Amino acid sequence: MASSIVLDSSISAGTGDAADEFELLKTSFVDNGYCEQLKSLNSPKCIILGSTGVGKTAIINQLITITDNSAQIHPDDLSISYINRSSIIKQMEDCGVNLAPVFRFMWQHVFIVELIRLKFNLTTKNSILRLLDRLKARYLTGSSEQQAIQFMEKWGSNFWESVNLRVREITESLEAAVQNSGRIDIPQVGSISGAVTDRQNTELKEHYESIVQTFISEELVKQQKSIIDICINDFFANSNKAYYLLIDDLDKDWAPSDLKNLLLKSLLMALKTIRRIPNTKIIIALREDIKHQLFHETPMPGFQEDKFESLELRLSWSKNQLLNLANLRINASYKEKYTNAEVKANQIFSDFQIEKKSPLDYIISRTRMRPRELILFLNTCIHKARIDNQNNITRNTLIAAEKQYSSKRVQAVHDEWNVVYPCIKAYIELLKRKPMSFSVGRFQQNNITDFMNIMAQHSKAHHDPIGRAIIQGESDLAVSNRKIIRELIKIFYRTGIIGLKTEPELPEMWAYQDEPMVEDVSIDSKTKIYVHPAFFAILGTDKRLSQKISLDGNPKN
């Protein structure tokens, strides 16, 4: 082991949030080959898929750095609040009108305008007028391209303005279509005249659906199709440059949940249309749990998961890549203040092993192979050593830091998955004081009764899939319990809390490096469960050889 170096208050592995580390990433970005795949126009990969803290934002930031013709679209800049405040949009939603085609048209509009802006450097009204003159001179009156010219004349005057205007343009156009159609006279909510009847609601829905169908199927769509064709056959054809649009932060609170899901589905559908434009690429970062919501929690006709699989690039990390990341981070921190000599991450530790592992190997074994977890664990160790006035990290310091780090992993799981599983913290309680591995068969039906009673009374039970299943229940309690246990195991696996061994001759499976989900058919009473070491400290996991125990923690003979 290299000689230890002295820690001080300025040493850090970073923040763990790539959004705050743009400068640091210039010197400590670990290239796993993903950027080249995403940058390549020959590769279909354009959806960066991964869990929280796996490096999606870091890759987006790196792509901004290494591409010459790129622009980032921030969801917060899209004036989605304007859609949310629209009383007409709200009434359409309340009536059950499918607005997905409108939002798909909107996203295509955003993408087309931003690509044309990027291609022709449209930053002023004069630059837009010059492009319009070029189009008129190139395409004769009466040709099919006249639709594209009409598109430019309708929207072009605002091309130079910021992206948030695009959403307002489409929303205002739809609102105008409704206002010009002659709305059905119905009682307003809260008015003296009373509530809307079912018949009136049906009439209003049919009225709005007719407007939406007209809006997206006539002149406006013809114009958009024509400008897409010109982008394909003229603007971006035979270009010696590539143009990129990058979208991150789709997991943030940029829209109410239901509206955001519909907008994201529409975005993915628009992405497939715009992919036809050569020498361009739209790259988005999407969290695993959000993808699951889109395809499984709120299904939509024609929106099929397998249609997008070829576009997905699922991020994963190896142990050596994480070691490299740790070395780069610690080296950058020391180089900034002290020395140009290379410093390795293992030099901040005193000379010891823990569970027959080096300190860094031990720390990595406590992550779910996510860079953010490595960074946070390292920082917790460094912080603990400073508090204890130590020059480096000792074995006792690491063990104490692990307790703090592990307790935050449960909160991190909740933060990542609570929209899908609002009661996930209650699930995790089932794993407390259990051995590090045990068989599914040890989840005895009678030992889950207390859990089910607690869940039935949980304030969020009706919004939670396990809670709803327990409340609805089956007349055959044994069958119901087995289903609940199986569902819990699938959730624990999917969220990275446990790994599974489905056959004796097969290795352990973990969602972050193998299949992200496991099917019912793969789970039987002999399936082996492995609690992830990241949770050992907070769960009080028994790290001795696995015992034959039931869910209540009592040893079985």
Protein backbone atom coordinates (compact mmCIF):
# COMPACT_ATOMS: atom_id res chain seq x y z
CA MET A 1 0.00 0.00 0.00
CA ALA A 2 1.25 3.51 -0.82
CA SER A 3 2.16 5.70 2.16
CA SER A 4 -0.76 7.50 3.77
CA ILE A 5 -1.28 11.23 3.30
CA VAL A 6 -2.71 13.73 5.72
CA LEU A 7 -6.38 14.66 5.51
CA ASP A 8 -7.52 18.21 6.03
CA SER A 9 -10.77 20.14 5.84
CA SER A 10 -10.46 20.85 2.11
CA ILE A 11 -10.23 17.23 0.92
CA SER A 12 -13.36 15.79 -0.65
CA ALA A 13 -14.45 13.25 -3.25
CA GLY A 14 -16.90 15.79 -4.70
CA THR A 15 -20.58 16.39 -4.13
CA GLY A 16 -22.00 13.29 -5.82
CA ASP A 17 -24.28 15.52 -7.89
CA ALA A 18 -22.95 16.01 -11.43
CA ALA A 19 -25.10 19.13 -11.84
CA ASP A 20 -22.77 20.85 -9.33
CA GLU A 21 -19.54 19.34 -10.65
CA PHE A 22 -19.15 20.67 -14.18
CA GLU A 23 -15.55 21.82 -13.61
CA LEU A 24 -14.57 18.76 -11.58
CA LEU A 25 -15.87 16.43 -14.29
CA LYS A 26 -13.44 17.98 -16.78
CA THR A 27 -10.59 16.26 -14.93
CA SER A 28 -12.31 13.33 -13.21
CA PHE A 29 -14.84 12.00 -15.71
CA VAL A 30 -14.54 8.23 -16.14
CA ASP A 31 -15.18 7.30 -19.75
CA ASN A 32 -16.92 3.92 -19.82
CA GLY A 33 -17.43 4.10 -23.59
CA TYR A 34 -20.99 5.37 -23.29
CA CYS A 35 -20.32 8.83 -24.70
CA GLU A 36 -19.02 7.44 -27.98
CA GLN A 37 -22.08 5.23 -28.38
CA LEU A 38 -24.39 8.15 -27.72
CA LYS A 39 -22.43 10.52 -29.93
CA SER A 40 -22.29 8.08 -32.83
CA LEU A 41 -24.92 8.70 -35.50
CA ASN A 42 -24.60 5.04 -36.47
CA SER A 43 -25.76 3.90 -33.05
CA PRO A 44 -29.50 3.99 -32.21
CA LYS A 45 -28.71 4.54 -28.51
CA CYS A 46 -30.27 7.80 -27.38
CA ILE A 47 -32.08 7.05 -24.09
CA ILE A 48 -29.65 7.02 -21.16
CA LEU A 49 -31.26 4.71 -18.64
CA GLY A 50 -30.16 4.21 -15.06
CA SER A 51 -30.92 4.53 -11.38
CA THR A 52 -30.33 7.61 -9.26
CA GLY A 53 -26.63 8.37 -8.89
CA VAL A 54 -25.40 6.10 -11.69
CA GLY A 55 -23.98 8.95 -13.80
CA LYS A 56 -26.67 10.08 -16.27
CA THR A 57 -26.12 13.81 -15.71
CA ALA A 58 -22.34 13.41 -15.85
CA ILE A 59 -22.68 11.88 -19.32
CA ILE A 60 -25.00 14.66 -20.49
CA ASN A 61 -22.48 17.25 -19.25
CA GLN A 62 -19.64 15.41 -20.96
CA LEU A 63 -21.55 15.30 -24.24
CA ILE A 64 -22.03 19.07 -24.04
CA THR A 65 -18.27 19.40 -23.65
CA ILE A 66 -17.20 17.07 -26.48
CA THR A 67 -19.80 18.03 -29.13
CA ASP A 68 -19.46 21.20 -31.20
CA ASN A 69 -23.10 21.62 -32.22
CA SER A 70 -25.27 20.79 -29.24
CA ALA A 71 -27.96 22.45 -27.16
CA GLN A 72 -29.49 21.39 -23.88
CA ILE A 73 -33.24 21.58 -23.30
CA HIS A 74 -34.13 22.02 -19.63
CA PRO A 75 -37.63 20.83 -18.65
CA ASP A 76 -37.92 23.75 -16.22
CA ASP A 77 -37.57 26.15 -19.18
CA LEU A 78 -40.51 24.74 -21.12
CA SER A 79 -43.29 26.81 -19.53
CA ILE A 80 -45.12 23.60 -18.61
CA SER A 81 -46.79 25.64 -15.87
CA TYR A 82 -48.64 27.45 -18.66
CA ILE A 83 -50.20 24.13 -19.72
CA ASN A 84 -51.02 23.31 -16.12
CA ARG A 85 -52.72 26.69 -15.62
CA SER A 86 -54.80 26.42 -18.80
CA SER A 87 -58.46 26.04 -17.83
CA ILE A 88 -59.21 24.58 -21.26
CA ILE A 89 -56.49 21.92 -20.96
CA LYS A 90 -57.69 21.15 -17.42
CA GLN A 91 -61.28 20.69 -18.59
CA MET A 92 -60.13 18.43 -21.43
CA GLU A 93 -58.20 16.27 -18.95
CA ASP A 94 -61.20 16.13 -16.58
CA CYS A 95 -63.37 14.92 -19.46
CA GLY A 96 -60.91 12.13 -20.29
CA VAL A 97 -59.76 13.58 -23.63
CA ASN A 98 -56.54 11.97 -24.90
CA LEU A 99 -54.09 14.86 -25.24
CA ALA A 100 -51.09 12.66 -26.10
CA PRO A 101 -51.27 13.47 -29.86
CA VAL A 102 -51.25 17.21 -29.06
CA PHE A 103 -48.26 16.88 -26.75
CA ARG A 104 -46.45 14.69 -29.27
CA PHE A 105 -46.99 17.42 -31.87
CA MET A 106 -45.71 19.95 -29.31
CA TRP A 107 -42.49 18.02 -28.65
CA GLN A 108 -41.88 17.58 -32.38
CA HIS A 109 -42.36 21.32 -32.77
CA VAL A 110 -39.84 22.00 -29.99
CA PHE A 111 -37.28 19.61 -31.50
CA ILE A 112 -37.66 20.86 -35.10
CA VAL A 113 -37.32 24.51 -34.12
CA GLU A 114 -34.32 23.87 -31.87
CA LEU A 115 -32.53 21.80 -34.54
CA ILE A 116 -33.14 24.44 -37.22
CA ARG A 117 -32.00 27.15 -34.81
CA LEU A 118 -28.84 25.18 -34.11
CA LYS A 119 -28.15 24.38 -37.76
CA PHE A 120 -28.52 27.95 -39.08
CA ASN A 121 -27.48 29.83 -35.94
CA LEU A 122 -30.79 31.66 -35.82
CA THR A 123 -30.22 34.26 -33.12
CA THR A 124 -31.93 37.31 -34.64
CA LYS A 125 -35.05 38.07 -36.66
CA ASN A 126 -32.87 39.02 -39.64
CA SER A 127 -31.23 35.59 -39.69
CA ILE A 128 -34.68 33.98 -39.77
CA LEU A 129 -35.82 36.23 -42.64
CA ARG A 130 -32.73 35.25 -44.65
CA LEU A 131 -33.56 31.56 -44.19
CA LEU A 132 -37.16 32.18 -45.22
CA ASP A 133 -35.98 34.00 -48.38
CA ARG A 134 -33.74 31.04 -49.18
CA LEU A 135 -36.68 28.65 -48.89
CA LYS A 136 -38.92 30.77 -51.10
CA ALA A 137 -36.23 31.02 -53.78
CA ARG A 138 -35.46 27.31 -53.65
CA TYR A 139 -39.01 25.95 -53.79
CA LEU A 140 -41.50 27.07 -56.40
CA THR A 141 -45.00 28.18 -55.51
CA GLY A 142 -47.43 25.28 -55.58
CA SER A 143 -44.86 22.65 -54.67
CA SER A 144 -45.37 20.39 -51.64
CA GLU A 145 -42.62 22.33 -49.87
CA GLN A 146 -44.92 25.35 -49.68
CA GLN A 147 -46.37 23.77 -46.54
CA ALA A 148 -42.91 24.08 -44.98
CA ILE A 149 -42.70 27.72 -46.02
CA GLN A 150 -46.06 28.31 -44.37
CA PHE A 151 -44.68 26.66 -41.23
CA MET A 152 -41.72 29.04 -41.25
CA GLU A 153 -43.95 32.03 -41.85
CA LYS A 154 -46.28 31.02 -39.01
CA TRP A 155 -43.66 30.16 -36.40
CA GLY A 156 -40.39 31.54 -37.77
CA SER A 157 -40.63 35.03 -36.34
CA ASN A 158 -40.08 33.54 -32.89
CA PHE A 159 -37.35 30.99 -33.75
CA TRP A 160 -34.68 33.16 -32.21
CA GLU A 161 -36.44 33.32 -28.86
CA SER A 162 -35.98 30.84 -26.01
CA VAL A 163 -37.39 27.30 -26.00
CA ASN A 164 -40.09 28.08 -23.43
CA LEU A 165 -42.03 29.95 -26.11
CA ARG A 166 -42.58 26.75 -28.13
CA VAL A 167 -44.85 25.20 -25.51
CA ARG A 168 -46.90 28.36 -25.18
CA GLU A 169 -47.26 28.60 -28.97
CA ILE A 170 -48.85 25.16 -29.27
CA THR A 171 -50.98 25.54 -26.13
CA GLU A 172 -52.30 28.91 -27.26
CA SER A 173 -53.07 27.50 -30.72
CA LEU A 174 -55.12 24.69 -29.16
CA GLU A 175 -56.91 27.14 -26.86
CA ALA A 176 -57.72 29.32 -29.85
CA ALA A 177 -59.12 26.31 -31.71
CA VAL A 178 -61.43 25.60 -28.76
CA GLN A 179 -62.52 29.22 -28.43
CA ASN A 180 -63.23 29.49 -32.16
CA SER A 181 -65.25 26.27 -32.21
CA GLY A 182 -68.20 27.55 -30.20
CA ARG A 183 -68.04 25.81 -26.81
CA ILE A 184 -70.92 23.79 -25.43
CA ASP A 185 -72.76 25.71 -22.73
CA ILE A 186 -72.40 23.71 -19.52
CA PRO A 187 -72.63 24.63 -15.84
CA GLN A 188 -69.33 25.69 -14.32
CA VAL A 189 -68.06 23.77 -11.32
CA GLY A 190 -69.33 25.44 -8.18
CA SER A 191 -71.94 27.45 -10.01
CA ILE A 192 -75.53 27.87 -8.83
CA SER A 193 -76.85 25.93 -11.79
CA GLY A 194 -75.44 22.69 -10.46
CA ALA A 195 -73.03 19.93 -11.42
CA VAL A 196 -72.20 18.65 -14.90
CA THR A 197 -74.37 15.67 -15.82
CA ASP A 198 -72.98 12.50 -17.38
CA ARG A 199 -74.67 13.38 -20.66
CA GLN A 200 -73.16 16.87 -20.69
CA ASN A 201 -69.75 15.46 -19.84
CA THR A 202 -70.02 12.98 -22.73
CA GLU A 203 -71.07 15.74 -25.11
CA LEU A 204 -68.22 17.97 -23.96
CA LYS A 205 -65.69 15.14 -24.31
CA GLU A 206 -66.87 14.41 -27.86
CA HIS A 207 -66.73 18.13 -28.66
CA TYR A 208 -63.14 18.42 -27.38
CA GLU A 209 -62.03 15.20 -29.08
CA SER A 210 -63.32 16.54 -32.37
CA ILE A 211 -61.30 19.73 -31.88
CA VAL A 212 -58.15 17.78 -31.00
CA GLN A 213 -58.56 15.53 -34.04
CA THR A 214 -59.00 18.55 -36.30
CA PHE A 215 -56.09 20.36 -34.64
CA ILE A 216 -53.58 17.56 -35.20
CA SER A 217 -54.77 16.22 -38.54
CA GLU A 218 -55.22 19.22 -40.79
CA GLU A 219 -53.12 22.21 -41.90
CA LEU A 220 -50.87 22.47 -38.87
CA VAL A 221 -49.73 18.84 -39.05
CA LYS A 222 -49.26 19.04 -42.82
CA GLN A 223 -46.98 22.02 -42.30
CA GLN A 224 -45.01 20.21 -39.62
CA LYS A 225 -44.66 17.09 -41.77
CA SER A 226 -43.39 19.22 -44.66
CA ILE A 227 -40.76 20.94 -42.55
CA ILE A 228 -39.64 17.52 -41.24
CA ASP A 229 -39.32 16.33 -44.85
CA ILE A 230 -37.22 19.38 -45.75
CA CYS A 231 -35.04 18.71 -42.69
CA ILE A 232 -34.58 15.12 -43.92
CA ASN A 233 -34.01 15.88 -47.61
CA ASP A 234 -32.37 19.31 -47.51
CA PHE A 235 -31.37 21.04 -44.28
CA PHE A 236 -29.55 18.11 -42.65
CA ALA A 237 -28.92 15.89 -45.68
CA ASN A 238 -25.27 15.29 -46.57
CA SER A 239 -24.13 17.48 -43.69
CA ASN A 240 -20.54 17.12 -42.56
CA LYS A 241 -21.59 18.12 -39.05
CA ALA A 242 -23.72 16.42 -36.40
CA TYR A 243 -26.29 18.25 -34.29
CA TYR A 244 -27.39 17.18 -30.82
CA LEU A 245 -30.23 18.07 -28.47
CA LEU A 246 -29.73 16.91 -24.88
CA ILE A 247 -32.43 16.59 -22.22
CA ASP A 248 -31.79 15.87 -18.53
CA ASP A 249 -33.64 16.39 -15.23
CA LEU A 250 -36.83 14.69 -16.42
CA ASP A 251 -37.14 13.20 -12.93
CA LYS A 252 -37.42 16.66 -11.33
CA ASP A 253 -40.71 18.35 -10.36
CA TRP A 254 -41.15 20.28 -13.62
CA ALA A 255 -44.80 19.26 -13.98
CA PRO A 256 -47.55 17.63 -11.87
CA SER A 257 -47.20 13.85 -11.82
CA ASP A 258 -50.09 12.87 -14.15
CA LEU A 259 -49.28 15.61 -16.65
CA LYS A 260 -45.57 14.76 -16.53
CA ASN A 261 -46.25 11.09 -17.34
CA LEU A 262 -48.33 12.06 -20.37
CA LEU A 263 -45.71 14.57 -21.52
CA LEU A 264 -42.93 11.99 -21.17
CA LYS A 265 -44.82 9.40 -23.18
CA SER A 266 -45.44 12.00 -25.85
CA LEU A 267 -41.77 12.96 -25.78
CA LEU A 268 -40.70 9.36 -26.45
CA MET A 269 -43.15 9.06 -29.33
CA ALA A 270 -41.88 12.35 -30.81
CA LEU A 271 -38.31 11.12 -30.40
CA LYS A 272 -38.98 8.22 -32.77
CA THR A 273 -40.36 10.60 -35.41
CA ILE A 274 -37.49 13.11 -35.24
CA ARG A 275 -34.90 10.31 -35.38
CA ARG A 276 -35.57 10.16 -39.14
CA ILE A 277 -33.71 13.47 -39.62
CA PRO A 278 -30.13 12.59 -40.65
CA ASN A 279 -27.03 13.90 -38.89
CA THR A 280 -29.03 14.77 -35.79
CA LYS A 281 -29.57 13.06 -32.48
CA ILE A 282 -31.80 13.79 -29.52
CA ILE A 283 -30.43 12.26 -26.33
CA ILE A 284 -32.44 12.05 -23.12
CA ALA A 285 -31.62 10.79 -19.63
CA LEU A 286 -34.34 8.78 -17.91
CA ARG A 287 -34.50 7.15 -14.50
CA GLU A 288 -35.38 3.44 -14.30
CA ASP A 289 -38.35 3.92 -11.99
CA ILE A 290 -39.85 6.62 -14.23
CA LYS A 291 -39.55 4.34 -17.26
CA HIS A 292 -41.39 1.63 -15.33
CA GLN A 293 -44.17 4.08 -14.46
CA LEU A 294 -44.58 5.09 -18.09
CA PHE A 295 -44.89 1.56 -19.43
CA HIS A 296 -46.46 -0.34 -16.53
CA GLU A 297 -48.23 1.98 -14.10
CA THR A 298 -50.05 4.15 -16.66
CA PRO A 299 -50.25 2.17 -19.93
CA MET A 300 -51.38 3.85 -23.13
CA PRO A 301 -52.62 2.16 -26.33
CA GLY A 302 -49.82 1.79 -28.88
CA PHE A 303 -47.15 2.75 -26.34
CA GLN A 304 -45.16 -0.49 -26.09
CA GLU A 305 -41.94 -0.95 -24.15
CA ASP A 306 -40.25 -3.21 -26.69
CA LYS A 307 -40.48 -0.49 -29.36
CA PHE A 308 -37.95 1.57 -27.41
CA GLU A 309 -35.54 -1.11 -26.16
CA SER A 310 -33.13 -0.68 -29.10
CA LEU A 311 -32.79 3.02 -28.18
CA GLU A 312 -31.90 2.41 -24.52
CA LEU A 313 -28.38 2.56 -23.14
CA ARG A 314 -28.45 1.14 -19.62
CA LEU A 315 -25.59 2.39 -17.46
CA SER A 316 -23.55 0.08 -15.26
CA TRP A 317 -20.18 0.24 -13.52
CA SER A 318 -17.44 -2.29 -12.78
CA LYS A 319 -15.33 -2.39 -9.64
CA ASN A 320 -12.23 -1.18 -11.54
CA GLN A 321 -14.14 1.75 -13.01
CA LEU A 322 -15.28 2.82 -9.55
CA LEU A 323 -11.72 2.49 -8.23
CA ASN A 324 -10.58 4.70 -11.09
CA LEU A 325 -13.26 7.23 -10.20
CA ALA A 326 -12.16 7.29 -6.54
CA ASN A 327 -8.53 7.85 -7.56
CA LEU A 328 -9.42 10.67 -9.95
CA ARG A 329 -11.60 12.42 -7.36
CA ILE A 330 -9.10 12.28 -4.51
CA ASN A 331 -6.21 13.18 -6.82
CA ALA A 332 -8.10 16.22 -8.13
CA SER A 333 -8.86 17.37 -4.59
CA TYR A 334 -5.20 17.20 -3.50
CA LYS A 335 -3.84 18.61 -6.75
CA GLU A 336 -6.02 21.70 -6.42
CA LYS A 337 -4.41 22.65 -3.11
CA TYR A 338 -1.16 20.82 -2.55
CA THR A 339 0.76 18.98 -5.20
CA ASN A 340 0.98 17.96 -8.84
CA ALA A 341 2.18 14.53 -7.76
CA GLU A 342 -0.36 11.77 -8.32
CA VAL A 343 -2.34 10.82 -5.23
CA LYS A 344 -4.31 7.58 -4.97
CA ALA A 345 -7.53 7.17 -3.01
CA ASN A 346 -6.08 4.35 -0.89
CA GLN A 347 -3.58 6.82 0.57
CA ILE A 348 -6.24 8.54 2.69
CA PHE A 349 -6.61 5.30 4.71
CA SER A 350 -4.29 3.88 7.35
CA ASP A 351 -2.92 0.39 6.66
CA PHE A 352 -5.67 -2.11 7.51
CA GLN A 353 -8.06 -4.67 6.08
CA ILE A 354 -11.68 -5.25 6.91
CA GLU A 355 -13.42 -8.55 6.18
CA LYS A 356 -10.26 -9.51 4.25
CA LYS A 357 -10.72 -6.54 1.91
CA SER A 358 -8.81 -3.34 1.41
CA PRO A 359 -10.69 -0.24 2.62
CA LEU A 360 -11.61 0.80 -0.93
CA ASP A 361 -12.73 -2.70 -1.91
CA TYR A 362 -14.86 -2.82 1.24
CA ILE A 363 -16.45 0.57 0.48
CA ILE A 364 -17.24 -0.45 -3.11
CA SER A 365 -18.83 -3.68 -1.83
CA ARG A 366 -21.19 -1.44 0.17
CA THR A 367 -22.34 0.45 -2.91
CA ARG A 368 -24.79 -0.75 -5.50
CA MET A 369 -22.12 0.02 -8.09
CA ARG A 370 -23.21 3.65 -8.30
CA PRO A 371 -20.67 6.48 -8.42
CA ARG A 372 -22.75 8.68 -6.12
CA GLU A 373 -22.82 6.04 -3.39
CA LEU A 374 -19.04 5.63 -3.61
CA ILE A 375 -18.54 9.40 -3.38
CA LEU A 376 -20.94 9.76 -0.44
CA PHE A 377 -19.34 6.88 1.49
CA LEU A 378 -15.85 8.30 0.93
CA ASN A 379 -16.98 11.75 2.05
CA THR A 380 -18.63 10.29 5.15
CA CYS A 381 -15.35 8.56 6.05
CA ILE A 382 -13.36 11.76 5.46
CA HIS A 383 -15.82 13.82 7.52
CA LYS A 384 -15.74 11.34 10.40
CA ALA A 385 -11.91 11.34 10.42
CA ARG A 386 -11.86 15.15 10.61
CA ILE A 387 -14.32 15.20 13.52
CA ASP A 388 -12.09 12.71 15.36
CA ASN A 389 -8.97 14.82 14.56
CA GLN A 390 -7.36 11.94 12.68
CA ASN A 391 -4.76 12.36 9.94
CA ASN A 392 -6.24 9.49 7.94
CA ILE A 393 -9.12 7.05 7.94
CA THR A 394 -8.75 4.14 10.36
CA ARG A 395 -10.69 0.90 10.55
CA ASN A 396 -12.83 2.20 13.42
CA THR A 397 -13.52 5.40 11.51
CA LEU A 398 -14.73 3.44 8.48
CA ILE A 399 -17.02 1.24 10.60
CA ALA A 400 -18.54 4.30 12.29
CA ALA A 401 -18.96 6.06 8.94
CA GLU A 402 -20.69 3.00 7.52
CA LYS A 403 -23.51 3.32 10.03
CA GLN A 404 -24.21 6.88 8.88
CA TYR A 405 -23.89 5.95 5.21
CA SER A 406 -26.12 2.87 5.53
CA SER A 407 -28.90 4.77 7.30
CA LYS A 408 -29.02 7.21 4.39
CA ARG A 409 -29.36 4.36 1.86
CA VAL A 410 -32.86 3.57 3.13
CA GLN A 411 -33.86 7.22 2.71
CA ALA A 412 -32.26 7.21 -0.75
CA VAL A 413 -34.34 4.17 -1.76
CA HIS A 414 -37.45 5.93 -0.50
CA ASP A 415 -36.61 9.13 -2.39
CA GLU A 416 -36.01 7.21 -5.61
CA TRP A 417 -39.02 4.88 -5.46
CA ASN A 418 -41.67 6.50 -3.25
CA VAL A 419 -43.82 7.59 -6.20
CA VAL A 420 -44.18 3.94 -7.25
CA TYR A 421 -44.04 2.42 -3.74
CA PRO A 422 -45.15 5.05 -1.18
CA CYS A 423 -44.86 2.53 1.69
CA ILE A 424 -41.42 1.19 0.79
CA LYS A 425 -39.94 2.10 4.18
CA ALA A 426 -42.51 -0.20 5.79
CA TYR A 427 -41.46 -3.00 3.42
CA ILE A 428 -37.81 -2.61 4.41
CA GLU A 429 -38.66 -3.12 8.08
CA LEU A 430 -39.29 -6.79 7.19
CA LEU A 431 -35.57 -7.27 6.53
CA LYS A 432 -34.34 -5.99 9.89
CA ARG A 433 -32.14 -8.37 11.94
CA LYS A 434 -32.25 -11.06 9.28
CA PRO A 435 -29.26 -13.06 8.05
CA MET A 436 -27.34 -11.88 5.00
CA SER A 437 -28.89 -14.70 2.97
CA PHE A 438 -31.92 -16.94 3.34
CA SER A 439 -34.39 -18.80 1.15
CA VAL A 440 -37.77 -17.55 -0.03
CA GLY A 441 -39.28 -20.58 1.68
CA ARG A 442 -38.40 -19.02 5.03
CA PHE A 443 -40.92 -16.24 4.46
CA GLN A 444 -43.58 -18.25 6.27
CA GLN A 445 -47.14 -17.08 5.69
CA ASN A 446 -48.01 -16.78 9.38
CA ASN A 447 -45.02 -14.50 10.00
CA ILE A 448 -46.18 -11.80 7.61
CA THR A 449 -49.51 -11.25 9.34
CA ASP A 450 -48.27 -8.34 11.48
CA PHE A 451 -46.85 -6.63 8.42
CA MET A 452 -50.13 -6.98 6.56
CA ASN A 453 -52.08 -5.55 9.49
CA ILE A 454 -49.73 -2.55 9.66
CA MET A 455 -49.99 -1.99 5.90
CA ALA A 456 -53.79 -2.17 5.96
CA GLN A 457 -53.77 0.80 8.37
CA HIS A 458 -51.01 2.75 6.60
CA SER A 459 -52.02 6.28 5.58
CA LYS A 460 -50.68 5.71 2.05
CA ALA A 461 -51.90 2.14 1.62
CA HIS A 462 -54.47 3.01 -1.06
CA HIS A 463 -51.73 4.57 -3.20
CA ASP A 464 -49.31 1.68 -2.74
CA PRO A 465 -49.47 -1.55 -4.80
CA ILE A 466 -48.77 -3.79 -1.79
CA GLY A 467 -51.17 -1.78 0.37
CA ARG A 468 -53.95 -2.07 -2.21
CA ALA A 469 -53.35 -5.80 -2.62
CA ILE A 470 -53.61 -6.32 1.14
CA ILE A 471 -56.75 -4.21 1.49
CA GLN A 472 -58.47 -5.91 -1.44
CA GLY A 473 -57.22 -9.28 -0.24
CA GLU A 474 -58.32 -12.76 -1.24
CA SER A 475 -60.66 -15.07 0.62
CA ASP A 476 -57.90 -17.67 0.73
CA LEU A 477 -55.44 -16.06 3.16
CA ALA A 478 -52.62 -18.52 2.37
CA VAL A 479 -52.83 -17.74 -1.35
CA SER A 480 -52.98 -14.00 -0.62
CA ASN A 481 -49.91 -14.15 1.65
CA ARG A 482 -47.86 -16.04 -0.92
CA LYS A 483 -48.69 -13.42 -3.54
CA ILE A 484 -47.74 -10.58 -1.18
CA ILE A 485 -44.44 -12.26 -0.30
CA ARG A 486 -43.62 -12.80 -3.98
CA GLU A 487 -44.43 -9.19 -4.83
CA LEU A 488 -42.29 -7.93 -1.96
CA ILE A 489 -39.33 -10.01 -3.15
CA LYS A 490 -39.72 -8.62 -6.69
CA ILE A 491 -39.79 -5.06 -5.31
CA PHE A 492 -36.78 -5.63 -3.04
CA TYR A 493 -34.88 -7.00 -6.04
CA ARG A 494 -35.91 -4.25 -8.41
CA THR A 495 -34.94 -1.49 -5.98
CA GLY A 496 -31.51 -3.01 -5.36
CA ILE A 497 -32.09 -3.97 -1.73
CA ILE A 498 -31.63 -7.68 -2.38
CA GLY A 499 -30.10 -9.99 -4.95
CA LEU A 500 -31.47 -13.39 -5.92
CA LYS A 501 -30.08 -16.81 -6.77
CA THR A 502 -32.79 -18.63 -8.69
CA GLU A 503 -30.88 -21.89 -9.32
CA PRO A 504 -28.08 -23.55 -7.29
CA GLU A 505 -25.73 -23.62 -10.28
CA LEU A 506 -26.36 -19.99 -11.26
CA PRO A 507 -24.60 -16.91 -9.80
CA GLU A 508 -26.40 -14.24 -7.78
CA MET A 509 -28.48 -11.76 -9.79
CA TRP A 510 -28.58 -8.05 -9.00
CA ALA A 511 -30.89 -5.56 -10.70
CA TYR A 512 -28.08 -3.04 -11.29
CA GLN A 513 -25.92 -5.46 -13.27
CA ASP A 514 -28.26 -8.21 -14.52
CA GLU A 515 -31.95 -8.12 -15.39
CA PRO A 516 -33.62 -5.02 -13.87
CA MET A 517 -36.76 -6.97 -13.01
CA VAL A 518 -37.55 -10.56 -12.11
CA GLU A 519 -40.67 -12.48 -13.09
CA ASP A 520 -42.91 -14.61 -10.85
CA VAL A 521 -41.85 -17.78 -12.62
CA SER A 522 -38.23 -17.24 -11.48
CA ILE A 523 -39.16 -17.23 -7.79
CA ASP A 524 -39.94 -20.38 -5.81
CA SER A 525 -39.46 -21.54 -2.24
CA LYS A 526 -35.82 -22.51 -2.94
CA THR A 527 -34.81 -19.16 -4.41
CA LYS A 528 -32.02 -17.66 -2.30
CA ILE A 529 -32.25 -14.04 -1.10
CA TYR A 530 -29.11 -11.95 -0.48
CA VAL A 531 -29.44 -8.66 1.42
CA HIS A 532 -27.22 -6.02 -0.18
CA PRO A 533 -24.28 -5.05 2.06
CA ALA A 534 -25.15 -1.35 1.68
CA PHE A 535 -28.02 -2.02 4.10
CA PHE A 536 -26.25 -4.31 6.58
CA ALA A 537 -25.49 -1.62 9.16
CA ILE A 538 -28.94 0.00 9.24
CA LEU A 539 -30.81 -3.33 9.13
CA GLY A 540 -28.63 -5.02 11.75
CA THR A 541 -28.02 -7.85 9.30
CA ASP A 542 -26.47 -11.00 10.72
CA LYS A 543 -23.30 -11.46 8.63
CA ARG A 544 -22.64 -15.00 9.84
CA LEU A 545 -23.46 -17.98 7.66
CA SER A 546 -27.10 -17.86 6.58
CA GLN A 547 -29.52 -19.35 9.05
CA LYS A 548 -32.78 -21.12 8.48
CA ILE A 549 -35.12 -18.52 9.88
CA SER A 550 -38.62 -17.33 9.30
CA LEU A 551 -39.68 -13.77 8.66
CA ASP A 552 -40.05 -12.99 12.38
CA GLY A 553 -36.34 -13.69 12.91
CA ASN A 554 -36.74 -16.87 14.96
CA PRO A 555 -34.27 -19.68 14.14
CA LYS A 556 -35.82 -22.76 12.57
CA ASN A 557 -34.72 -26.26 13.40
